[in-house]
Protein backbone atom coordinates (compact mmCIF):
# COMPACT_ATOMS: atom_id res chain seq x y z
CA MET A 1 36.99 19.01 12.80
CA GLY A 2 39.92 16.75 13.16
CA ARG A 3 42.44 19.20 14.63
CA PRO A 4 43.14 20.02 18.09
CA LYS A 5 41.72 23.30 19.52
CA ALA A 6 44.29 25.87 20.22
CA VAL A 7 45.07 26.63 23.59
CA GLN A 8 46.69 30.01 24.79
CA THR A 9 49.94 29.51 26.78
CA SER A 10 52.55 31.84 28.62
CA PHE A 11 55.90 32.64 27.09
CA TRP A 12 57.35 30.82 30.52
CA GLY A 13 55.14 27.92 29.85
CA THR A 14 55.61 27.79 26.01
CA LEU A 15 59.41 27.79 26.92
CA GLY A 16 59.46 25.27 29.54
CA LYS A 17 57.37 22.86 27.34
CA ALA A 18 60.13 23.32 24.72
CA LEU A 19 62.81 22.79 27.05
CA LEU A 20 61.16 19.67 28.32
CA SER A 21 60.34 18.47 24.91
CA LYS A 22 61.43 15.12 23.48
CA THR A 23 63.22 16.77 20.96
CA ALA A 24 65.26 19.25 22.80
CA ILE A 25 65.93 16.21 25.04
CA VAL A 26 67.54 14.29 22.21
CA ILE A 27 69.66 17.21 20.92
CA VAL A 28 70.82 17.81 24.69
CA ALA A 29 71.82 14.24 25.07
CA LEU A 30 73.44 14.06 21.60
CA ILE A 31 75.59 17.11 22.39
CA ALA A 32 76.55 15.42 26.01
CA GLN A 33 77.77 12.68 24.08
CA ALA A 34 79.70 14.62 21.85
CA ALA A 35 81.37 16.44 24.67
CA LEU A 36 82.25 13.52 26.12
CA LEU A 37 84.19 12.24 23.32
CA ILE A 38 85.94 15.92 22.96
CA TRP A 39 86.74 15.47 26.46
CA LEU A 40 88.70 12.00 25.71
CA VAL A 41 90.80 13.63 23.50
CA ILE A 42 92.04 16.26 25.02
CA ASP A 43 92.67 14.59 28.29
CA LEU A 44 94.94 12.09 25.77
CA SER A 45 97.00 14.84 24.48
CA GLN A 46 100.10 13.84 26.22
CA TYR A 47 99.90 10.75 24.48
CA ALA A 48 99.44 12.22 21.14
CA ALA A 49 101.90 10.43 18.98
CA TYR A 50 100.95 7.31 20.29
CA VAL A 51 96.84 8.32 19.89
CA TYR A 52 97.82 8.97 16.32
CA ALA A 53 99.69 5.60 15.39
CA GLY A 54 96.72 4.17 17.02
CA PHE A 55 94.59 5.91 14.89
CA LEU A 56 96.42 5.37 11.81
CA VAL A 57 96.43 1.73 12.06
CA LEU A 58 92.70 1.83 13.01
CA SER A 59 91.82 3.59 10.02
CA ALA A 60 94.14 1.26 7.71
CA LEU A 61 92.30 -1.77 9.08
CA VAL A 62 88.67 -0.51 8.88
CA ILE A 63 89.50 0.83 5.14
CA LEU A 64 90.92 -2.89 4.54
CA TYR A 65 87.44 -4.25 6.20
CA VAL A 66 85.67 -1.90 3.66
CA VAL A 67 86.99 -2.81 0.50
CA ASN A 68 86.55 -6.30 1.72
CA ARG A 69 83.19 -6.34 2.71
CA ASP A 70 80.15 -7.56 0.33
CA ASP A 71 78.74 -4.15 -0.13
CA ASN A 72 77.43 -1.99 -2.91
CA PRO A 73 80.58 0.00 -4.20
CA ASP A 74 79.30 3.69 -4.38
CA PHE A 75 78.76 2.99 -0.38
CA LYS A 76 82.38 1.69 0.10
CA LEU A 77 83.89 4.68 -1.81
CA VAL A 78 81.92 7.29 0.28
CA TRP A 79 82.96 5.58 3.66
CA MET A 80 86.72 5.52 2.36
CA VAL A 81 86.92 9.34 2.31
CA PRO A 82 86.02 10.31 6.23
CA ILE A 83 87.75 6.88 7.18
CA ALA A 84 90.85 8.21 5.86
CA ALA A 85 90.31 12.12 6.41
CA LEU A 86 89.16 11.41 10.12
CA PRO A 87 90.43 8.22 11.20
CA VAL A 88 88.90 7.73 14.68
CA VAL A 89 85.61 9.54 13.97
CA GLY A 90 85.31 7.96 10.52
CA ALA A 91 85.74 4.75 11.48
CA VAL A 92 83.61 5.03 14.57
CA ILE A 93 80.81 6.11 12.52
CA TYR A 94 81.27 3.72 9.63
CA LEU A 95 81.16 0.47 12.28
CA PHE A 96 78.42 2.31 13.82
CA VAL A 97 76.57 2.84 11.03
CA ARG A 98 77.11 0.21 8.32
CA LEU A 99 77.25 -2.53 10.90
CA GLN A 100 73.66 -1.16 12.17
CA LEU A 101 74.75 -1.28 15.98
CA GLY A 102 71.70 -0.77 18.13
CA THR A 103 69.35 -2.55 15.76
CA ARG A 104 69.63 -6.49 17.23
CA LEU A 105 65.82 -6.53 18.45
CA ILE A 106 64.28 -4.89 15.68
CA ARG A 107 66.28 -7.44 13.21
CA ARG A 108 65.36 -10.16 15.81
CA ARG A 109 61.61 -8.85 15.13
CA ILE A 110 61.45 -8.82 11.41
CA ASP A 111 63.48 -12.15 11.22
CA ALA A 112 60.39 -13.73 13.30
CA SER A 113 57.67 -11.62 11.44
CA GLU A 114 58.94 -12.93 7.85
CA ALA A 115 59.19 -16.54 9.04
CA ALA A 116 55.38 -16.05 10.39
CA ALA A 117 54.29 -14.27 7.57
CA ALA A 118 55.60 -17.01 5.12
CA GLU A 119 53.27 -19.65 7.18
CA VAL A 120 50.22 -17.69 6.53
CA ARG A 121 50.69 -15.40 3.48
CA PRO A 122 48.29 -17.17 0.84
CA ARG A 123 49.85 -18.96 -2.44
CA ASP A 124 47.82 -19.37 -5.13
CA GLU A 125 49.09 -22.60 -7.51
CA SER A 126 46.95 -21.36 -10.22
CA ALA A 127 48.93 -18.02 -10.33
CA VAL A 128 52.39 -20.39 -10.17
CA ALA A 129 51.25 -22.21 -12.89
CA ALA A 130 50.05 -19.20 -15.08
CA VAL A 131 53.54 -17.50 -14.13
CA ARG A 132 55.63 -20.14 -15.45
CA ALA A 133 53.62 -20.28 -18.69
CA LEU A 134 54.87 -16.68 -19.45
CA SER A 135 57.92 -15.76 -20.85
CA GLY A 136 58.31 -11.95 -19.98
CA GLY A 137 57.47 -11.81 -15.94
CA ALA A 138 58.44 -14.94 -14.75
CA ALA A 139 61.86 -14.90 -13.76
CA VAL A 140 61.41 -11.75 -11.40
CA THR A 141 58.24 -13.50 -9.88
CA GLY A 142 60.21 -16.45 -8.97
CA TYR A 143 62.81 -14.10 -7.35
CA LEU A 144 59.85 -12.22 -5.66
CA GLU A 145 58.16 -15.76 -4.35
CA LYS A 146 61.54 -16.73 -2.83
CA ARG A 147 61.59 -13.52 -1.08
CA GLY A 148 58.22 -14.40 0.60
CA PHE A 149 55.84 -12.31 -2.01
CA PRO A 150 53.82 -14.64 -4.18
CA ALA A 151 51.98 -13.93 -7.32
CA TYR A 152 47.98 -13.72 -7.32
CA ILE A 153 45.58 -13.32 -10.61
CA ASN A 154 42.25 -13.11 -8.76
CA THR A 155 43.19 -9.86 -7.80
CA ASP A 156 41.62 -6.28 -9.73
CA CYS A 157 43.66 -3.05 -9.79
CA THR A 158 42.77 0.44 -10.54
CA TYR A 159 45.25 3.07 -11.50
CA TYR A 160 44.88 6.56 -10.30
CA ARG A 161 46.66 9.52 -12.15
CA LEU A 162 46.35 11.73 -8.90
CA GLY A 163 45.74 11.82 -5.48
CA ASP A 164 43.03 14.00 -6.11
CA GLU A 165 41.35 11.08 -7.96
CA MET A 166 42.29 8.07 -5.11
CA PHE A 167 41.49 10.09 -2.17
CA PRO A 168 37.53 10.23 -2.63
CA ASP A 169 37.48 6.38 -3.60
CA MET A 170 39.73 5.58 -0.30
CA LEU A 171 37.14 7.35 1.75
CA ARG A 172 34.19 5.65 0.07
CA ALA A 173 36.35 1.97 1.02
CA ILE A 174 36.76 3.22 4.36
CA GLU A 175 33.14 4.46 4.83
CA ASN A 176 31.83 0.70 3.22
CA ALA A 177 34.24 -0.79 6.04
CA ARG A 178 32.47 -3.10 8.72
CA GLU A 179 35.76 -4.89 10.71
CA PHE A 180 39.00 -3.00 10.29
CA VAL A 181 40.72 -0.09 8.67
CA PHE A 182 44.64 -0.36 8.46
CA LEU A 183 46.93 2.90 7.45
CA GLU A 184 50.11 3.72 7.19
CA TYR A 185 51.87 6.92 5.92
CA PHE A 186 55.62 8.64 6.07
CA ILE A 187 53.92 12.01 6.18
CA LEU A 188 50.96 12.94 8.32
CA GLU A 189 49.92 16.63 8.38
CA GLU A 190 47.11 18.72 9.43
CA GLY A 191 44.87 19.96 6.45
CA GLU A 192 41.72 19.38 4.71
CA MET A 193 42.86 16.11 3.73
CA TRP A 194 43.82 15.14 7.33
CA ASP A 195 40.21 16.71 8.40
CA ALA A 196 38.22 14.66 6.13
CA LEU A 197 40.04 10.99 7.03
CA PHE A 198 40.26 11.63 10.71
CA GLY A 199 36.52 12.57 10.54
CA LEU A 200 35.58 9.26 8.90
CA LEU A 201 38.35 7.48 10.86
CA LYS A 202 36.80 8.53 14.34
CA LYS A 203 33.23 7.72 13.19
CA LYS A 204 34.16 3.99 12.17
CA ALA A 205 36.10 3.48 15.41
CA SER A 206 32.90 4.62 17.41
CA GLN A 207 31.16 2.11 15.49
CA GLY A 208 33.55 -0.73 16.96
CA LEU A 209 35.59 -1.18 14.05
CA ASP A 210 39.70 -2.14 14.84
CA VAL A 211 41.17 1.66 13.03
CA ARG A 212 44.70 1.55 13.53
CA LEU A 213 47.09 4.13 12.17
CA MET A 214 50.76 4.26 11.73
CA TYR A 215 53.14 7.32 10.40
CA ASP A 216 56.93 7.98 10.50
CA ALA A 217 58.36 10.53 13.09
CA VAL A 218 60.33 12.04 11.06
CA GLY A 219 58.47 12.33 7.87
CA SER A 220 55.69 14.04 9.93
CA LEU A 221 58.34 15.90 12.24
CA SER A 222 57.56 18.98 10.92
CA LYS A 223 53.88 18.09 9.69
CA ALA A 224 52.20 16.80 12.96
CA PRO A 225 52.27 18.64 15.94
CA SER A 226 54.20 17.26 19.20
CA GLY A 227 52.16 14.62 20.88
CA PHE A 228 49.27 14.63 17.92
CA TYR A 229 49.28 10.62 18.38
CA LYS A 230 47.83 11.33 21.85
CA VAL A 231 44.99 13.37 19.85
CA ILE A 232 44.34 10.33 17.83
CA ARG A 233 44.06 7.66 19.81
CA ALA A 234 41.92 9.83 22.20
CA ALA A 235 39.27 9.37 19.10
CA GLY A 236 39.80 5.61 19.90
CA ILE A 237 41.98 4.93 16.97
CA ARG A 238 45.06 3.04 17.66
CA CYS A 239 47.79 5.27 16.61
CA LYS A 240 51.78 4.42 16.68
CA VAL A 241 54.51 6.70 15.82
CA PHE A 242 57.02 4.76 13.91
CA ALA A 243 60.86 5.27 15.30
CA PRO A 244 60.37 8.17 17.24
CA MET A 245 63.31 10.39 18.13
CA SER A 246 65.54 8.90 20.98
CA PRO A 247 68.58 10.62 23.14
CA ILE A 248 70.28 6.79 22.76
CA LEU A 249 72.14 6.48 19.43
CA SER A 250 71.10 3.98 17.10
CA THR A 251 71.25 3.56 13.50
CA HIS A 252 67.78 2.50 13.43
CA GLN A 253 66.96 6.31 13.32
CA ASN A 254 68.33 6.45 10.06
CA ASN A 255 65.75 3.75 8.36
CA ARG A 256 62.31 5.30 8.20
CA ASP A 257 59.19 3.89 7.20
CA HIS A 258 58.29 5.51 3.81
CA ARG A 259 55.45 2.96 2.95
CA LYS A 260 51.87 4.12 1.79
CA LEU A 261 48.96 1.86 3.00
CA CYS A 262 45.22 1.97 3.39
CA ILE A 263 43.76 -1.45 3.73
CA ALA A 264 39.89 -1.67 4.58
CA ASP A 265 38.36 -5.00 5.71
CA GLY A 266 41.22 -7.12 4.17
CA VAL A 267 39.42 -6.98 0.50
CA VAL A 268 40.48 -3.51 -0.75
CA ALA A 269 43.93 -1.68 -0.38
CA PHE A 270 45.36 1.81 -1.91
CA THR A 271 49.12 2.49 -2.35
CA GLY A 272 51.44 4.74 -4.31
CA GLY A 273 53.26 8.04 -3.66
CA ILE A 274 50.46 9.60 -2.08
CA ASN A 275 50.99 10.87 1.77
CA ILE A 276 48.27 12.15 4.28
CA ALA A 277 48.83 16.33 3.40
CA ASP A 278 46.84 18.51 1.08
CA GLU A 279 49.44 19.05 -1.42
CA TYR A 280 48.99 15.34 -2.56
CA ILE A 281 45.28 16.03 -3.52
CA ASN A 282 46.23 19.60 -4.53
CA ALA A 283 44.03 21.18 -2.23
CA ILE A 284 46.79 23.67 -1.80
CA THR A 285 49.66 24.91 -4.05
CA ARG A 286 52.99 25.25 -2.91
CA LYS A 287 56.17 26.62 -4.56
CA CYS A 288 56.46 23.34 -6.53
CA GLY A 289 52.93 23.98 -7.98
CA HIS A 290 50.93 21.19 -9.43
CA TRP A 291 51.40 18.05 -7.69
CA LYS A 292 51.43 14.95 -9.52
CA ASP A 293 51.13 11.73 -7.75
CA CYS A 294 49.47 8.66 -8.53
CA GLY A 295 47.91 5.68 -6.72
CA LEU A 296 46.90 1.96 -7.04
CA ARG A 297 43.65 0.41 -5.76
CA VAL A 298 44.15 -3.15 -5.31
CA THR A 299 41.17 -5.58 -5.04
CA GLY A 300 40.87 -9.48 -4.24
CA GLU A 301 43.10 -12.18 -3.16
CA ALA A 302 46.77 -10.03 -3.34
CA VAL A 303 45.21 -7.81 -0.31
CA ASP A 304 45.56 -10.83 1.88
CA SER A 305 49.52 -10.33 1.02
CA MET A 306 49.28 -6.51 2.25
CA THR A 307 47.63 -6.88 5.33
CA VAL A 308 50.31 -9.38 6.48
CA SER A 309 52.80 -6.69 5.35
CA TYR A 310 51.04 -4.01 7.40
CA LEU A 311 50.77 -6.42 10.18
CA GLN A 312 53.96 -7.39 10.13
CA MET A 313 55.50 -3.53 10.54
CA TRP A 314 52.74 -3.18 13.08
CA ASN A 315 54.06 -5.93 15.43
CA LEU A 316 57.82 -4.76 15.28
CA SER A 317 57.08 -2.59 18.15
CA GLU A 318 54.92 -5.17 20.04
CA LYS A 319 56.43 -7.70 22.87
CA ARG A 320 53.73 -10.18 21.64
CA SER A 321 53.17 -10.52 17.55
CA GLU A 322 49.58 -10.28 16.52
CA HIS A 323 48.48 -13.27 14.55
CA PHE A 324 47.92 -12.61 10.91
CA ALA A 325 45.26 -15.17 10.44
CA PRO A 326 41.88 -13.78 11.58
CA PHE A 327 42.42 -10.59 8.90
CA LEU A 328 43.22 -12.37 6.25
CA LYS A 329 40.03 -12.64 3.66
CA LYS A 330 40.82 -14.83 0.75
CA TYR A 331 38.86 -12.56 -1.22
CA PHE A 332 38.61 -13.56 -5.23
CA VAL A 333 38.15 -10.92 -7.91
CA PRO A 334 38.19 -12.20 -11.36
CA SER A 335 40.97 -10.69 -13.71
CA SER A 336 43.51 -11.23 -16.19
CA GLY A 337 47.41 -11.06 -15.28
CA PHE A 338 48.60 -11.07 -12.25
CA VAL A 339 49.59 -8.79 -9.16
CA VAL A 340 52.75 -9.29 -6.94
CA PRO A 341 52.71 -6.82 -3.63
CA TYR A 342 56.07 -6.96 -1.91
CA THR A 343 57.85 -5.03 0.55
CA ASP A 344 61.61 -4.07 1.23
CA GLN A 345 63.27 -3.57 4.36
CA PRO A 346 66.99 -2.34 5.40
CA PHE A 347 68.42 -4.73 7.44
CA ASP A 348 69.33 -7.43 4.76
CA GLU A 349 71.36 -7.84 1.56
CA HIS A 350 68.52 -8.36 -0.61
CA ASN A 351 67.38 -4.61 -1.67
CA VAL A 352 64.46 -6.31 -3.14
CA CYS A 353 62.93 -3.04 -4.69
CA ARG A 354 66.09 -2.51 -6.40
CA ALA A 355 66.44 -5.84 -7.77
CA VAL A 356 62.60 -5.51 -9.30
CA TYR A 357 63.63 -2.27 -10.91
CA LEU A 358 66.81 -3.84 -12.36
CA ASP A 359 64.95 -6.84 -13.84
CA ILE A 360 62.63 -4.55 -15.67
CA LEU A 361 65.95 -2.61 -17.03
CA ASN A 362 67.76 -5.91 -18.08
CA THR A 363 64.45 -7.62 -19.80
CA ALA A 364 63.27 -4.94 -21.45
CA ARG A 365 62.20 -5.34 -25.34
CA SER A 366 60.73 -2.39 -26.82
CA TYR A 367 60.31 0.22 -23.91
CA VAL A 368 61.24 1.10 -20.38
CA TYR A 369 59.18 4.36 -18.81
CA ILE A 370 59.82 5.72 -15.67
CA MET A 371 58.26 8.33 -13.60
CA THR A 372 60.21 9.65 -10.35
CA PRO A 373 60.49 12.61 -8.29
CA TYR A 374 64.30 11.95 -7.60
CA LEU A 375 67.34 10.88 -9.50
CA VAL A 376 70.25 9.97 -6.98
CA ILE A 377 71.06 6.23 -8.39
CA ASP A 378 74.09 3.85 -7.65
CA SER A 379 76.51 2.95 -10.78
CA GLU A 380 74.84 -0.65 -11.30
CA LEU A 381 71.57 1.25 -11.81
CA LYS A 382 73.05 4.17 -14.05
CA SER A 383 74.84 1.30 -15.93
CA ALA A 384 71.33 -0.61 -16.57
CA LEU A 385 69.70 2.32 -17.55
CA VAL A 386 72.54 3.20 -20.28
CA TYR A 387 72.62 -0.73 -21.15
CA ALA A 388 68.98 -0.60 -21.69
CA ALA A 389 68.89 2.42 -24.28
CA GLN A 390 72.11 0.99 -25.87
CA ARG A 391 70.63 -2.24 -26.44
CA GLY A 392 67.93 -0.39 -28.49
CA ALA A 393 65.11 -0.09 -25.91
CA ASP A 394 63.31 3.57 -25.72
CA VAL A 395 64.38 4.65 -22.14
CA ARG A 396 62.64 7.90 -20.57
CA ILE A 397 62.69 9.40 -17.44
CA LEU A 398 59.97 11.72 -16.22
CA LEU A 399 61.40 14.15 -13.31
CA PRO A 400 59.94 17.13 -11.57
CA GLY A 401 59.77 20.55 -13.29
CA GLN A 402 60.11 22.19 -9.38
CA CYS A 403 61.35 19.60 -7.02
CA ASP A 404 60.55 19.95 -3.49
CA GLU A 405 64.03 18.78 -2.05
CA PRO A 406 66.85 21.09 -3.18
CA ILE A 407 69.74 18.79 -2.22
CA ALA A 408 68.13 15.64 -4.21
CA LYS A 409 67.61 18.00 -7.21
CA THR A 410 70.96 19.42 -7.03
CA ILE A 411 72.70 15.99 -6.88
CA GLY A 412 69.94 14.98 -9.62
CA ILE A 413 71.29 17.19 -12.70
CA THR A 414 75.13 15.85 -12.22
CA TYR A 415 73.28 12.71 -13.85
CA TYR A 416 71.99 14.43 -16.82
CA THR A 417 74.91 14.35 -19.09
CA GLU A 418 75.99 10.86 -18.17
CA LEU A 419 72.33 9.64 -18.90
CA LEU A 420 71.89 11.59 -22.04
CA ALA A 421 75.08 10.35 -23.74
CA GLY A 422 74.12 7.10 -23.11
CA GLY A 423 70.98 7.31 -25.15
CA VAL A 424 68.46 7.72 -22.25
CA LYS A 425 65.66 10.48 -22.81
CA LEU A 426 65.04 12.63 -19.78
CA TYR A 427 61.80 14.99 -19.25
CA ALA A 428 60.90 17.81 -16.89
CA TYR A 429 57.10 18.10 -15.61
CA ALA A 430 56.23 21.77 -16.11
CA PRO A 431 53.29 21.90 -14.33
CA GLY A 432 55.43 21.50 -11.10
CA MET A 433 56.10 18.78 -9.05
CA LEU A 434 56.20 15.12 -10.39
CA HIS A 435 56.29 12.74 -7.12
CA SER A 436 54.87 9.21 -8.79
CA LYS A 437 56.83 6.52 -8.43
CA VAL A 438 56.31 3.84 -11.39
CA PHE A 439 58.44 1.65 -14.17
CA LEU A 440 56.64 0.38 -17.26
CA SER A 441 58.06 -1.83 -19.76
CA ASP A 442 56.87 -2.88 -23.12
CA ASP A 443 52.91 -2.87 -22.47
CA GLU A 444 53.29 -5.72 -19.88
CA LYS A 445 55.05 -5.05 -16.69
CA ALA A 446 54.55 -2.21 -14.12
CA VAL A 447 55.56 -1.22 -10.88
CA VAL A 448 53.67 1.18 -8.74
CA GLY A 449 54.64 2.03 -5.26
CA THR A 450 56.58 4.23 -2.60
CA VAL A 451 60.30 3.54 -4.17
CA ASN A 452 61.96 6.52 -5.12
CA LEU A 453 65.22 6.47 -7.39
CA ASP A 454 67.59 7.38 -4.79
CA TYR A 455 69.75 5.76 -1.83
CA ARG A 456 67.05 6.10 0.66
CA GLY A 457 64.20 4.73 -1.37
CA LEU A 458 66.61 1.44 -3.07
CA PHE A 459 68.68 0.82 0.11
CA LEU A 460 67.82 2.44 3.49
CA ASN A 461 63.85 2.84 4.10
CA PHE A 462 60.80 0.45 4.41
CA GLU A 463 59.22 0.33 1.67
CA ASN A 464 56.31 -1.35 -0.47
CA ALA A 465 55.23 -1.70 -4.18
CA VAL A 466 53.26 -3.77 -6.36
CA TYR A 467 54.32 -5.61 -9.25
CA LEU A 468 51.58 -5.86 -12.31
CA CYS A 469 52.32 -8.39 -15.36
CA ARG A 470 50.02 -8.53 -18.43
CA HIS A 471 47.58 -6.95 -16.04
CA PRO A 472 44.57 -4.49 -17.56
CA ALA A 473 45.81 -1.84 -14.87
CA VAL A 474 49.18 -1.56 -17.19
CA ALA A 475 47.44 0.52 -20.25
CA ALA A 476 45.98 2.78 -17.80
CA ILE A 477 49.55 3.22 -16.41
CA ARG A 478 50.86 3.36 -20.29
CA ALA A 479 48.13 6.05 -20.96
CA ASP A 480 49.03 8.33 -18.04
CA PHE A 481 52.51 8.40 -18.80
CA GLU A 482 51.89 9.45 -22.25
CA GLU A 483 49.55 12.01 -21.33
CA THR A 484 52.11 13.09 -18.68
CA LEU A 485 55.09 13.29 -21.23
CA ALA A 486 52.72 15.91 -23.25
CA LEU A 487 52.96 18.31 -20.29
CA CYS A 488 56.99 17.89 -20.31
CA ARG A 489 59.86 19.79 -21.52
CA PRO A 490 63.09 17.94 -22.94
CA ILE A 491 65.91 18.09 -20.77
CA THR A 492 69.35 18.18 -22.78
CA GLU A 493 72.85 19.01 -22.48
CA LYS A 494 71.72 22.68 -22.94
CA THR A 495 69.42 22.21 -19.87
CA TYR A 496 72.36 21.25 -17.78
CA LYS A 497 74.60 24.09 -18.88
CA SER A 498 71.64 26.54 -18.03
CA TYR A 499 72.49 25.92 -14.19
CA ASN A 500 75.22 27.95 -12.91
CA LEU A 501 78.65 26.51 -12.58
CA PHE A 502 78.23 27.01 -8.59
CA LYS A 503 75.20 24.57 -8.66
CA ARG A 504 76.74 22.14 -10.74
CA MET A 505 80.26 22.02 -8.91
CA ALA A 506 77.85 21.50 -5.59
CA GLY A 507 75.87 18.85 -7.25
CA ARG A 508 79.29 17.12 -7.79
CA VAL A 509 80.54 17.42 -4.16
CA MET A 510 77.55 16.12 -2.79
CA ARG A 511 77.01 13.23 -5.24
CA LEU A 512 80.19 12.09 -3.21
CA PHE A 513 78.34 11.84 -0.19
CA ALA A 514 74.99 10.85 -1.83
CA PRO A 515 74.78 7.41 -0.29
CA LEU A 516 74.74 9.43 3.17
CA VAL A 517 72.13 11.54 2.28
């Protein structure tokens, strides 16, 4: 099938391969750099008093810079601790990470790709007029358009409650493709789902289609075998690994490609929280139990915008950017309401995905319903949740009953008492892991995408989502929320107190450093 055949190797061959692997080289390089820093400190010990005074001055200057920098207050607070405790180390790490040193090339390419995308991304004037006539979703769509993401009306959407439901339709769309198939995922893991997908992709590549696959190096680190991209390329598929581990320090390694896209011929696209791994279609059951994730099928002119977004990411590692226009189909499907596909990237100050979530919370009249696997939020988003509830909106958040990330779970429980006291209702998905990323409000507005309610999703990763307003798919999302809510148990103050004291205290300590996780 799609998996490479196992090859018997000797102990020494296996050991040699491990020692020469890219991961081993990266580890050795990082250790060498740390050793060099330690040596410099020891060598300067005779000047300890002067060095210490210099450290204090450096720490004070950097803290002053942090306080006055236009940045999220949570990030400011978390960085002051290491800068004050470890003056030189904390200051150097801060300047390296927050100033995003080592990302000049990728930032320059992102700027160029956004300028190119603005020239070709279709702008539907009838959609603009329709949006302006609305009172509910017009403001955020105006914001998204300024960020380069227009609204579309000739677009149909199908909402899927589970990956089990979406994957067969995704395979059919790929099977029916005649020109190209583009895929982009955070996690790629061998198994039943990959075997079915890889077999079909090989078939389409052999038919002469332009078949491309991108997957994230860290997301797939323990999932896909080393060098798996070579197996994929050997099948005629153009494959890229996003930001592979490197022995050269760069903050770019901290910014992962968390997007999920499957685009066939520029007329149909799939997105949502679903990765390429068996738990996402419940082909296996892990310790987390039943895996609840959702997806969205987009057909029509909005797919052109998603195609442009895909090619923007593809071009980041290209010396010469590929033109977008040949892949844009201007395929119209009559539908009511409007759709705005959008993306977010970590190298500017806009935080588009977070801005959309805040807009939904701040404009809700009747309710805001949320599904998220993680709850690790900044103070402004927490305040917006409480403010919406205290204005009279029914704010409900569905969380996993069994979480796949223990650290995120431990930090997440520390928000329970504050949100509950503010009127926000919390629920745990009893059958297992809830991985959906959904915002829904007032039977009018919804977001389906890849964006978790954590610092990575809101600030640090490349993400994508689809905003829907007065679209028929919103009713399907509401129905799914209510069905899922019926399978949940309420989270109360008693729930929080049921966790042992050590876990609660550990969560409080880890929460201080949550922006760095």
